[in-house]
N, C-alpha and C. Protein backbone atom coordinates (compact mmCIF):
# COMPACT_ATOMS: atom_id res chain seq x y z
N MET A 1 3.52 -80.55 68.79
CA MET A 1 2.66 -81.87 68.71
C MET A 1 3.21 -82.60 70.15
N PHE A 2 2.17 -83.20 70.63
CA PHE A 2 2.75 -83.55 72.05
C PHE A 2 3.16 -85.09 71.96
N ASN A 3 2.76 -85.90 70.71
CA ASN A 3 3.21 -87.17 70.81
C ASN A 3 4.59 -87.67 69.87
N ASN A 4 5.28 -86.40 69.68
CA ASN A 4 6.31 -86.93 68.98
C ASN A 4 7.43 -87.51 69.88
N ILE A 5 8.16 -88.15 69.48
CA ILE A 5 9.72 -88.83 69.75
C ILE A 5 10.55 -88.77 69.09
N ASN A 6 11.86 -88.35 69.42
CA ASN A 6 13.15 -88.29 68.57
C ASN A 6 13.28 -90.05 68.47
N GLU A 7 13.78 -90.09 66.99
CA GLU A 7 14.20 -91.51 66.45
C GLU A 7 15.44 -91.99 67.48
N ASP A 8 16.01 -91.32 67.95
CA ASP A 8 17.19 -91.79 68.90
C ASP A 8 16.96 -92.19 70.13
N ALA A 9 15.63 -91.61 70.41
CA ALA A 9 15.19 -91.94 72.00
C ALA A 9 15.51 -93.55 72.29
N LEU A 10 15.23 -94.04 73.64
CA LEU A 10 14.77 -95.68 73.97
C LEU A 10 13.95 -95.66 73.89
N VAL A 11 13.51 -97.02 73.93
CA VAL A 11 12.17 -97.51 73.82
C VAL A 11 11.46 -97.66 75.23
N ILE A 12 12.08 -97.55 76.36
CA ILE A 12 11.55 -97.51 77.71
C ILE A 12 10.98 -95.74 77.73
N ASP A 13 11.88 -94.74 77.13
CA ASP A 13 11.27 -93.57 77.22
C ASP A 13 10.14 -93.38 76.30
N ALA A 14 9.92 -94.30 75.32
CA ALA A 14 8.95 -94.01 74.18
C ALA A 14 7.47 -94.75 75.13
N LEU A 15 7.77 -95.98 75.80
CA LEU A 15 6.84 -96.37 76.20
C LEU A 15 6.11 -95.69 77.69
N GLN A 16 7.05 -94.65 78.13
CA GLN A 16 6.62 -93.85 79.45
C GLN A 16 5.98 -92.60 78.56
N MET A 17 6.18 -92.39 77.50
CA MET A 17 5.80 -91.15 76.76
C MET A 17 4.11 -91.68 76.35
N LEU A 18 4.23 -93.09 75.95
CA LEU A 18 2.69 -93.56 75.48
C LEU A 18 1.93 -93.62 76.58
N ASN A 19 2.18 -94.00 77.39
CA ASN A 19 1.67 -93.96 78.65
C ASN A 19 1.15 -92.74 79.43
N SER A 20 2.07 -91.71 79.00
CA SER A 20 1.71 -90.30 79.70
C SER A 20 0.71 -89.56 78.77
N VAL A 21 0.65 -89.83 77.50
CA VAL A 21 -0.38 -89.13 76.31
C VAL A 21 -1.60 -90.09 76.06
N ASN A 22 -1.27 -91.18 76.66
CA ASN A 22 -2.92 -91.91 76.62
C ASN A 22 -3.21 -92.41 74.99
N LEU A 23 -2.05 -92.48 74.31
CA LEU A 23 -2.13 -92.97 72.77
C LEU A 23 -1.45 -94.04 72.48
N SER A 24 -2.03 -94.69 71.49
CA SER A 24 -1.27 -96.22 71.25
C SER A 24 -0.31 -95.88 70.24
N TYR A 25 0.03 -94.83 69.86
CA TYR A 25 1.51 -94.42 69.01
C TYR A 25 2.20 -93.15 69.24
N LEU A 26 3.21 -93.05 68.91
CA LEU A 26 4.04 -91.94 68.64
C LEU A 26 4.41 -91.59 67.53
N VAL A 27 4.56 -90.21 67.35
CA VAL A 27 5.12 -89.86 65.89
C VAL A 27 6.45 -89.62 66.13
N VAL A 28 7.66 -90.59 64.98
CA VAL A 28 8.95 -90.36 65.53
C VAL A 28 9.65 -89.60 64.23
N LYS A 29 10.39 -88.77 64.91
CA LYS A 29 10.94 -87.61 64.09
C LYS A 29 12.67 -87.63 64.12
N LYS A 30 13.34 -86.77 63.34
CA LYS A 30 14.70 -86.47 63.27
C LYS A 30 14.46 -85.16 63.22
N GLY A 31 14.63 -84.24 64.07
CA GLY A 31 14.45 -82.97 63.97
C GLY A 31 13.18 -82.69 63.91
N ASP A 32 12.92 -81.93 62.43
CA ASP A 32 11.60 -81.73 61.83
C ASP A 32 10.81 -83.15 61.08
N GLU A 33 11.95 -83.61 60.78
CA GLU A 33 11.68 -84.75 59.57
C GLU A 33 10.97 -85.92 59.98
N PHE A 34 9.74 -86.30 59.48
CA PHE A 34 9.00 -87.35 59.72
C PHE A 34 9.61 -88.71 59.33
N LYS A 35 9.85 -89.52 60.31
CA LYS A 35 10.62 -90.76 59.95
C LYS A 35 9.62 -92.11 60.13
N GLY A 36 8.65 -92.08 61.09
CA GLY A 36 7.85 -93.27 61.27
C GLY A 36 7.05 -93.09 62.42
N ILE A 37 6.46 -94.38 62.63
CA ILE A 37 5.58 -94.30 64.02
C ILE A 37 6.12 -95.34 64.92
N PHE A 38 5.83 -95.16 66.21
CA PHE A 38 6.36 -96.28 67.04
C PHE A 38 4.71 -96.36 67.87
N CYS A 39 4.68 -97.67 67.98
CA CYS A 39 3.20 -98.19 68.58
C CYS A 39 3.49 -99.30 69.37
N GLU A 40 2.67 -99.58 70.20
CA GLU A 40 2.50 -100.73 70.74
C GLU A 40 2.57 -102.05 70.36
N ARG A 41 2.50 -102.16 69.04
CA ARG A 41 2.25 -103.29 68.66
C ARG A 41 4.15 -103.38 67.93
N ASP A 42 4.80 -102.10 67.54
CA ASP A 42 6.04 -102.52 67.33
C ASP A 42 6.84 -102.85 68.85
N TYR A 43 6.41 -102.27 69.91
CA TYR A 43 7.12 -102.86 71.16
C TYR A 43 6.93 -104.52 71.23
N SER A 44 5.75 -104.83 71.11
CA SER A 44 5.76 -106.32 71.38
C SER A 44 5.98 -107.08 70.23
N ARG A 45 5.96 -106.97 69.12
CA ARG A 45 6.84 -107.68 67.86
C ARG A 45 8.21 -107.44 67.82
N ASN A 46 9.05 -106.18 68.21
CA ASN A 46 10.06 -105.89 67.83
C ASN A 46 11.01 -105.96 68.92
N VAL A 47 10.24 -105.93 70.36
CA VAL A 47 10.99 -105.48 71.11
C VAL A 47 10.99 -107.21 72.05
N ILE A 48 10.01 -107.31 72.71
CA ILE A 48 9.53 -108.20 73.66
C ILE A 48 10.00 -109.60 72.91
N LEU A 49 9.19 -109.78 71.63
CA LEU A 49 9.24 -111.36 71.00
C LEU A 49 10.55 -111.50 70.46
N LYS A 50 11.61 -110.28 70.29
CA LYS A 50 12.68 -110.57 69.94
C LYS A 50 13.92 -110.69 70.78
N GLY A 51 13.27 -110.65 72.00
CA GLY A 51 14.32 -110.81 73.06
C GLY A 51 15.18 -109.62 73.59
N ARG A 52 14.90 -108.27 73.02
CA ARG A 52 15.69 -107.15 73.08
C ARG A 52 15.21 -106.36 74.45
N SER A 53 16.03 -105.65 74.94
CA SER A 53 15.67 -104.75 76.31
C SER A 53 15.12 -103.61 75.50
N SER A 54 14.11 -102.91 76.28
CA SER A 54 13.70 -101.41 76.15
C SER A 54 14.54 -100.58 76.85
N ALA A 55 15.25 -100.92 77.44
CA ALA A 55 16.26 -100.09 78.07
C ALA A 55 17.61 -99.44 77.30
N ASN A 56 17.68 -100.52 76.17
CA ASN A 56 19.37 -100.18 75.56
C ASN A 56 18.54 -100.37 73.99
N THR A 57 17.60 -100.38 73.58
CA THR A 57 16.93 -100.69 71.90
C THR A 57 16.54 -98.67 71.68
N GLN A 58 16.94 -98.33 70.50
CA GLN A 58 16.43 -97.14 70.12
C GLN A 58 15.30 -97.22 69.26
N VAL A 59 14.54 -96.47 69.29
CA VAL A 59 13.03 -96.26 68.78
C VAL A 59 13.05 -96.43 66.96
N LYS A 60 14.18 -96.00 66.84
CA LYS A 60 14.54 -96.09 65.12
C LYS A 60 14.79 -97.81 64.74
N GLU A 61 15.21 -98.29 65.58
CA GLU A 61 15.68 -99.80 65.60
C GLU A 61 14.14 -100.89 65.30
N VAL A 62 13.19 -100.25 65.75
CA VAL A 62 11.86 -100.88 66.03
C VAL A 62 10.82 -100.39 65.46
N MET A 63 10.52 -99.18 65.28
CA MET A 63 9.63 -98.37 64.82
C MET A 63 8.85 -98.90 63.29
N THR A 64 7.82 -98.47 62.98
CA THR A 64 7.21 -98.78 61.67
C THR A 64 7.34 -97.47 60.88
N ASN A 65 7.84 -97.92 59.35
CA ASN A 65 8.12 -96.58 58.68
C ASN A 65 7.67 -97.07 57.18
N ASP A 66 6.79 -98.02 57.15
CA ASP A 66 6.18 -98.34 55.61
C ASP A 66 4.61 -98.29 55.79
N LEU A 67 4.04 -97.31 56.35
CA LEU A 67 2.66 -97.51 56.50
C LEU A 67 1.90 -96.57 55.15
N PRO A 68 0.69 -97.05 54.83
CA PRO A 68 0.05 -96.46 53.65
C PRO A 68 -0.13 -95.03 53.89
N MET A 69 -0.02 -94.27 52.82
CA MET A 69 -0.20 -92.91 52.96
C MET A 69 -1.84 -92.18 52.09
N VAL A 70 -2.03 -91.53 52.87
CA VAL A 70 -3.46 -90.71 52.18
C VAL A 70 -3.11 -89.09 52.23
N ASP A 71 -4.19 -88.70 51.24
CA ASP A 71 -3.95 -87.03 51.32
C ASP A 71 -5.40 -86.65 52.22
N THR A 72 -5.15 -85.61 52.71
CA THR A 72 -6.17 -85.03 53.47
C THR A 72 -7.76 -84.99 52.70
N ALA A 73 -7.29 -84.57 51.46
CA ALA A 73 -8.74 -84.60 50.79
C ALA A 73 -9.37 -86.32 50.54
N ASP A 74 -8.66 -87.60 50.83
CA ASP A 74 -9.38 -88.76 50.79
C ASP A 74 -10.32 -88.78 51.44
N THR A 75 -11.26 -89.84 50.92
CA THR A 75 -12.59 -90.02 51.85
C THR A 75 -12.23 -90.98 52.63
N VAL A 76 -13.25 -90.95 53.77
CA VAL A 76 -13.45 -92.31 54.85
C VAL A 76 -13.44 -93.40 54.36
N GLU A 77 -14.11 -93.62 53.33
CA GLU A 77 -14.33 -94.88 52.67
C GLU A 77 -13.20 -95.31 51.93
N HIS A 78 -12.29 -94.38 51.32
CA HIS A 78 -11.05 -94.62 50.58
C HIS A 78 -9.67 -95.50 51.89
N CYS A 79 -10.14 -94.18 53.24
CA CYS A 79 -9.19 -94.75 53.90
C CYS A 79 -9.13 -96.25 54.63
N MET A 80 -10.67 -96.30 54.75
CA MET A 80 -10.87 -97.79 55.27
C MET A 80 -10.52 -98.56 54.21
N ASN A 81 -10.87 -98.67 53.08
CA ASN A 81 -10.39 -99.44 52.55
C ASN A 81 -8.80 -100.07 51.98
N LEU A 82 -8.01 -98.68 52.35
CA LEU A 82 -6.55 -98.80 52.33
C LEU A 82 -6.16 -99.47 53.72
N MET A 83 -6.63 -99.20 54.73
CA MET A 83 -6.68 -99.79 56.05
C MET A 83 -6.46 -101.22 55.61
N ILE A 84 -7.59 -101.68 55.33
CA ILE A 84 -7.89 -103.37 55.11
C ILE A 84 -6.93 -103.93 54.21
N SER A 85 -6.87 -103.47 53.06
CA SER A 85 -5.99 -104.00 52.13
C SER A 85 -4.54 -103.94 52.62
N HIS A 86 -3.91 -103.29 53.52
CA HIS A 86 -2.72 -103.00 54.06
C HIS A 86 -2.52 -103.79 55.24
N LYS A 87 -4.03 -103.90 56.03
CA LYS A 87 -3.64 -104.93 57.12
C LYS A 87 -2.95 -103.90 57.96
N ALA A 88 -3.31 -102.40 58.12
CA ALA A 88 -2.68 -101.31 59.02
C ALA A 88 -3.74 -100.68 59.88
N ARG A 89 -3.21 -100.42 60.90
CA ARG A 89 -4.13 -99.70 61.91
C ARG A 89 -3.97 -98.13 61.82
N TYR A 90 -3.18 -97.91 61.07
CA TYR A 90 -2.66 -96.36 60.92
C TYR A 90 -2.41 -96.19 59.60
N LEU A 91 -2.75 -94.76 59.01
CA LEU A 91 -2.51 -94.26 57.83
C LEU A 91 -1.69 -92.83 58.07
N LEU A 92 -0.93 -92.18 57.26
CA LEU A 92 0.27 -91.59 57.59
C LEU A 92 -1.04 -90.23 56.33
N ALA A 93 -1.00 -89.32 57.02
CA ALA A 93 -1.89 -88.33 56.25
C ALA A 93 -1.04 -87.00 55.91
N TYR A 94 -0.91 -86.84 54.30
CA TYR A 94 0.05 -85.67 53.90
C TYR A 94 -1.28 -84.90 53.05
N ASN A 95 -0.50 -83.48 52.96
CA ASN A 95 -1.22 -82.47 52.65
C ASN A 95 -0.05 -81.70 51.90
N ASP A 96 -0.30 -81.99 50.37
CA ASP A 96 1.00 -81.11 49.29
C ASP A 96 2.24 -81.72 49.95
N GLN A 97 2.05 -82.93 49.94
CA GLN A 97 3.52 -83.90 50.37
C GLN A 97 4.06 -83.47 51.68
N GLN A 98 3.35 -82.83 52.38
CA GLN A 98 4.01 -82.45 53.88
C GLN A 98 2.90 -83.54 54.78
N PHE A 99 3.67 -83.82 55.70
CA PHE A 99 3.28 -85.02 56.73
C PHE A 99 2.31 -83.78 57.50
N VAL A 100 1.17 -84.16 57.84
CA VAL A 100 0.26 -83.46 58.71
C VAL A 100 -0.47 -84.57 59.77
N GLY A 101 -0.14 -85.79 59.78
CA GLY A 101 -0.30 -86.26 61.08
C GLY A 101 -0.93 -87.64 60.55
N VAL A 102 -1.48 -88.45 61.43
CA VAL A 102 -1.60 -90.09 61.53
C VAL A 102 -3.06 -90.24 61.92
N ILE A 103 -3.69 -90.94 61.17
CA ILE A 103 -4.99 -91.33 61.18
C ILE A 103 -5.15 -92.86 61.61
N THR A 104 -5.97 -92.75 62.41
CA THR A 104 -6.37 -94.10 63.33
C THR A 104 -7.24 -94.73 62.83
N ILE A 105 -7.45 -96.13 62.99
CA ILE A 105 -8.62 -96.95 62.71
C ILE A 105 -10.07 -96.27 63.78
N HIS A 106 -9.29 -96.01 64.98
CA HIS A 106 -10.23 -95.11 65.81
C HIS A 106 -10.98 -93.66 65.11
N ASP A 107 -10.18 -93.46 64.31
CA ASP A 107 -10.66 -91.55 63.92
C ASP A 107 -11.52 -92.20 62.52
N LEU A 108 -11.49 -93.05 62.05
CA LEU A 108 -12.27 -93.24 60.79
C LEU A 108 -13.66 -93.70 61.60
N LEU A 109 -13.58 -94.76 62.65
CA LEU A 109 -14.83 -95.24 63.21
C LEU A 109 -15.76 -94.07 63.66
N ARG A 110 -15.01 -93.11 64.49
CA ARG A 110 -15.51 -91.95 64.85
C ARG A 110 -16.16 -91.00 63.86
N GLN A 111 -15.63 -90.85 62.60
CA GLN A 111 -16.06 -90.26 61.41
C GLN A 111 -17.58 -90.79 60.50
N VAL A 112 -17.15 -92.36 60.58
CA VAL A 112 -18.55 -92.99 60.25
C VAL A 112 -20.01 -92.96 61.03
N LEU A 113 -19.53 -93.00 62.46
CA LEU A 113 -20.40 -93.05 63.49
C LEU A 113 -21.11 -91.64 63.59
N SER A 114 -20.63 -90.70 63.59
CA SER A 114 -20.90 -89.05 63.44
C SER A 114 -21.66 -88.75 62.26
N ASN A 115 -21.08 -89.60 61.03
CA ASN A 115 -21.78 -89.17 59.77
C ASN A 115 -21.97 -90.13 58.82
N LYS A 116 -22.67 -91.03 59.39
CA LYS A 116 -22.89 -92.26 58.98
C LYS A 116 -23.66 -92.28 57.49
N GLU A 117 -24.32 -91.08 57.04
CA GLU A 117 -25.20 -90.82 56.00
C GLU A 117 -24.11 -90.42 54.75
N ALA A 118 -23.16 -89.75 55.58
CA ALA A 118 -22.33 -88.80 54.41
C ALA A 118 -21.23 -89.98 54.20
N VAL A 119 -20.53 -91.00 54.82
CA VAL A 119 -19.41 -91.42 54.55
C VAL A 119 -19.59 -92.70 53.39
N PHE A 120 -20.70 -93.15 53.44
CA PHE A 120 -20.62 -94.30 52.35
C PHE A 120 -21.80 -93.87 51.17
N ASP A 121 -21.31 -94.21 50.05
CA ASP A 121 -22.27 -94.00 48.86
C ASP A 121 -23.55 -94.36 49.03
N HIS A 122 -24.43 -93.26 48.59
CA HIS A 122 -25.96 -94.07 49.09
C HIS A 122 -26.56 -95.07 48.16
N SER A 123 -25.80 -95.18 46.88
CA SER A 123 -26.60 -96.09 45.94
C SER A 123 -26.10 -97.49 46.66
N MET A 124 -24.78 -97.71 47.41
CA MET A 124 -24.54 -99.06 48.03
C MET A 124 -25.39 -99.04 49.22
N ALA A 125 -25.58 -98.46 49.87
CA ALA A 125 -26.37 -98.57 51.06
C ALA A 125 -27.90 -98.91 50.61
N GLU A 126 -28.21 -98.38 49.55
CA GLU A 126 -29.93 -98.96 48.94
C GLU A 126 -29.72 -100.37 48.52
N GLN A 127 -28.54 -100.67 48.34
CA GLN A 127 -28.40 -101.96 47.68
C GLN A 127 -28.48 -103.11 48.46
N LEU A 128 -27.67 -102.65 49.84
CA LEU A 128 -27.73 -103.41 50.54
C LEU A 128 -29.00 -103.41 51.33
N LEU A 129 -29.83 -102.29 51.60
CA LEU A 129 -31.15 -102.57 52.23
C LEU A 129 -32.27 -103.32 51.40
N SER A 130 -31.90 -103.17 49.77
CA SER A 130 -33.05 -103.94 49.40
C SER A 130 -32.90 -105.10 48.98
N HIS A 131 -31.72 -105.89 49.44
CA HIS A 131 -31.66 -107.38 49.33
C HIS A 131 -32.32 -107.95 50.16
N GLU A 132 -33.48 -108.77 49.50
CA GLU A 132 -34.11 -109.70 50.48
C GLU A 132 -33.42 -110.97 51.26
N GLU A 133 -33.73 -110.75 52.55
CA GLU A 133 -33.10 -111.75 53.25
C GLU A 133 -34.02 -112.73 53.97
N GLY A 134 -35.23 -112.97 53.18
CA GLY A 134 -36.19 -114.15 53.41
C GLY A 134 -36.75 -113.58 55.01
N ARG A 135 -37.01 -112.24 55.27
CA ARG A 135 -37.59 -111.82 56.57
C ARG A 135 -36.90 -112.38 57.79
N LYS A 136 -35.34 -112.78 57.59
CA LYS A 136 -34.73 -113.07 58.79
C LYS A 136 -34.38 -112.10 59.49
N ILE A 137 -34.00 -112.00 60.74
CA ILE A 137 -33.66 -110.50 61.49
C ILE A 137 -32.18 -111.12 62.04
N TYR A 138 -31.79 -112.14 61.92
CA TYR A 138 -30.68 -112.41 62.82
C TYR A 138 -29.39 -112.73 61.55
C-alpha cells in the first residue's frame, strides 16, 4: 500500500507523503500491524493548534486511533449512518478481523452516485417520493 507510514515517523514526513500521494490520510503502522490513521485534521488540531512542531513530533503522538470499524460486507447505508453517528470522515474496514483498508466519505459518495438505486431501500425512496409537498419544487 503506497499510503502507509510508520508510527515513529515525523509529522513533517507524513505531510510530505500526504502531498505526494494526493490523499487526505495515511495508514499508520508499526511493522505490519495497523495502529491508526494520520490525516490533515490530525495535523491541524493536534499539531498546529497545540503549538507543536511538525519537525519533532512523531505521527503516533497525534494520529487518530479510535475510528468506527465496519466489515467489508456492510452496506453503504450502514457505513453512512455510522459516519454520521460518530461524526467521522473515515471508517476502518475489516474482513475476518483483519484490517483491509480505510473507507472515506468520498468512497461512499462515489458508490451512491454510481449505484443510487441499489444503495438505499426502495421502500424508503418510495415513501419519500410519495410525500405530497403541495406542488412546491423548492
